[in-house]
Structures are given as C-alpha cells and as structure tokens.
C-alpha cells in the first residue's frame, strides 16, 4: 500500500472544492482508496504531465475532475498537491 500525504495547500484547496462539489465526495473517497492500493489501476487514468509540470502526475476522479499529484515511487508516497477541473488545474 502507498502512503497518501495531503499537503497543506491541498487541504485548503480540497476544502473549497468540496463545498462546491459535495456530490463528488463518495467518488473521491473510492478513488483515493484505489490510488492507495494501486496507483497504476487503469480507471485512475494516471499520467505524467508535460512542460513546466513534467515532474508531476495527474489522475482522474471522473471525466471532469482531476487531482494533481507529486508521485514519489521510491518512498511509496503519493503527495496530493491540487484538485479541480482540468481547466482549473492546468
């Protein structure tokens, strides 16, 4: 199992995000649990970002919302950085 780390920035952004999108809380919880068990599961659509964000990865809660992460495989840690729609994050 991977360790999920919620950065301070992420906690603040997530709080605001879930005030607007309470309907996504159940999907979010399932997604985080799956990420913790197997970050490479196809339904997460995990992918490495490009350009100035190339050191990060992104995965999807659903087709509209993504979580932007710093993914540290060596230590089996996944650090959550940002959450939002595709346009909000990129």
Protein backbone atom coordinates (compact mmCIF):
# COMPACT_ATOMS: atom_id res chain seq x y z
CA UNK A 1 0.00 0.00 0.00
CA UNK A 2 1.15 3.51 -0.80
CA UNK A 3 1.12 6.31 1.74
CA UNK A 4 -1.15 9.23 0.80
CA UNK A 5 0.12 12.60 2.01
CA UNK A 6 -2.17 15.63 1.95
CA UNK A 7 -0.09 18.79 1.51
CA UNK A 8 -1.19 21.93 3.37
CA UNK A 9 -2.02 23.59 0.06
CA UNK A 10 -4.07 20.58 -0.99
CA UNK A 11 -6.10 20.52 2.24
CA UNK A 12 -7.05 24.17 1.77
CA UNK A 13 -7.99 23.74 -1.90
CA UNK A 14 -9.87 20.49 -1.26
CA UNK A 15 -11.98 22.12 1.46
CA UNK A 16 -13.14 24.79 -1.01
CA UNK A 17 -13.56 22.22 -3.80
CA UNK A 18 -15.88 20.01 -1.73
CA UNK A 19 -18.02 22.95 -0.64
CA UNK A 20 -18.87 23.36 -4.34
CA UNK A 21 -18.87 19.67 -5.28
CA UNK A 22 -20.34 17.72 -2.36
CA UNK A 23 -21.71 15.20 -4.85
CA UNK A 24 -18.15 14.03 -5.62
CA UNK A 25 -17.19 13.04 -2.06
CA UNK A 26 -18.11 9.37 -2.48
CA UNK A 27 -16.31 9.07 -5.84
CA UNK A 28 -13.33 10.89 -4.34
CA UNK A 29 -13.10 8.52 -1.38
CA UNK A 30 -13.24 5.46 -3.65
CA UNK A 31 -10.61 7.00 -5.93
CA UNK A 32 -8.21 7.75 -3.06
CA UNK A 33 -8.58 4.21 -1.70
CA UNK A 34 -7.84 2.78 -5.15
CA UNK A 35 -4.86 5.11 -5.54
CA UNK A 36 -3.52 3.91 -2.21
CA UNK A 37 -3.84 0.24 -3.22
CA UNK A 38 -2.78 0.51 -6.86
CA UNK A 39 -1.86 3.91 -8.35
CA UNK A 40 -1.47 2.26 -11.76
CA UNK A 41 -5.04 0.96 -11.94
CA UNK A 42 -6.39 1.84 -15.43
CA UNK A 43 -9.55 3.52 -14.11
CA UNK A 44 -7.43 6.25 -12.47
CA UNK A 45 -6.02 7.30 -15.85
CA UNK A 46 -2.74 8.22 -14.13
CA UNK A 47 -0.42 10.09 -16.46
CA UNK A 48 2.74 12.15 -16.27
CA UNK A 49 2.29 15.82 -17.09
CA UNK A 50 4.33 17.71 -19.66
CA UNK A 51 6.05 21.06 -19.99
CA UNK A 52 6.63 23.08 -16.83
CA UNK A 53 4.65 20.48 -14.84
CA UNK A 54 6.65 17.49 -16.08
CA UNK A 55 7.76 16.46 -12.58
CA UNK A 56 4.12 15.80 -11.59
CA UNK A 57 1.34 13.36 -12.41
CA UNK A 58 -2.42 13.65 -12.63
CA UNK A 59 -5.24 11.19 -12.11
CA UNK A 60 -8.99 11.45 -12.51
CA UNK A 61 -11.90 11.32 -10.11
CA UNK A 62 -14.20 11.29 -13.14
CA UNK A 63 -14.09 12.66 -16.66
CA UNK A 64 -14.32 16.29 -15.47
CA UNK A 65 -12.25 16.42 -12.28
CA UNK A 66 -8.62 15.58 -11.70
CA UNK A 67 -6.15 15.57 -8.86
CA UNK A 68 -2.68 16.91 -9.49
CA UNK A 69 -0.06 14.99 -7.55
CA UNK A 70 3.59 14.66 -6.79
CA UNK A 71 4.17 10.95 -7.06
CA UNK A 72 7.21 9.57 -5.26
CA UNK A 73 7.58 5.89 -6.11
CA UNK A 74 10.88 5.35 -4.28
CA UNK A 75 9.37 6.00 -0.89
CA UNK A 76 5.97 4.63 -1.91
CA UNK A 77 4.46 8.02 -1.15
CA UNK A 78 1.85 9.95 -3.08
CA UNK A 79 1.69 13.64 -2.20
CA UNK A 80 -1.57 15.33 -3.21
CA UNK A 81 -0.99 18.89 -4.47
CA UNK A 82 -4.17 20.19 -6.13
CA UNK A 83 -7.73 19.19 -7.04
CA UNK A 84 -10.10 20.64 -9.60
CA UNK A 85 -11.35 20.53 -13.16
CA UNK A 86 -8.87 20.16 -15.99
CA UNK A 87 -9.01 23.90 -16.72
CA UNK A 88 -8.61 24.89 -13.06
CA UNK A 89 -5.50 22.79 -12.55
CA UNK A 90 -3.67 23.38 -15.82
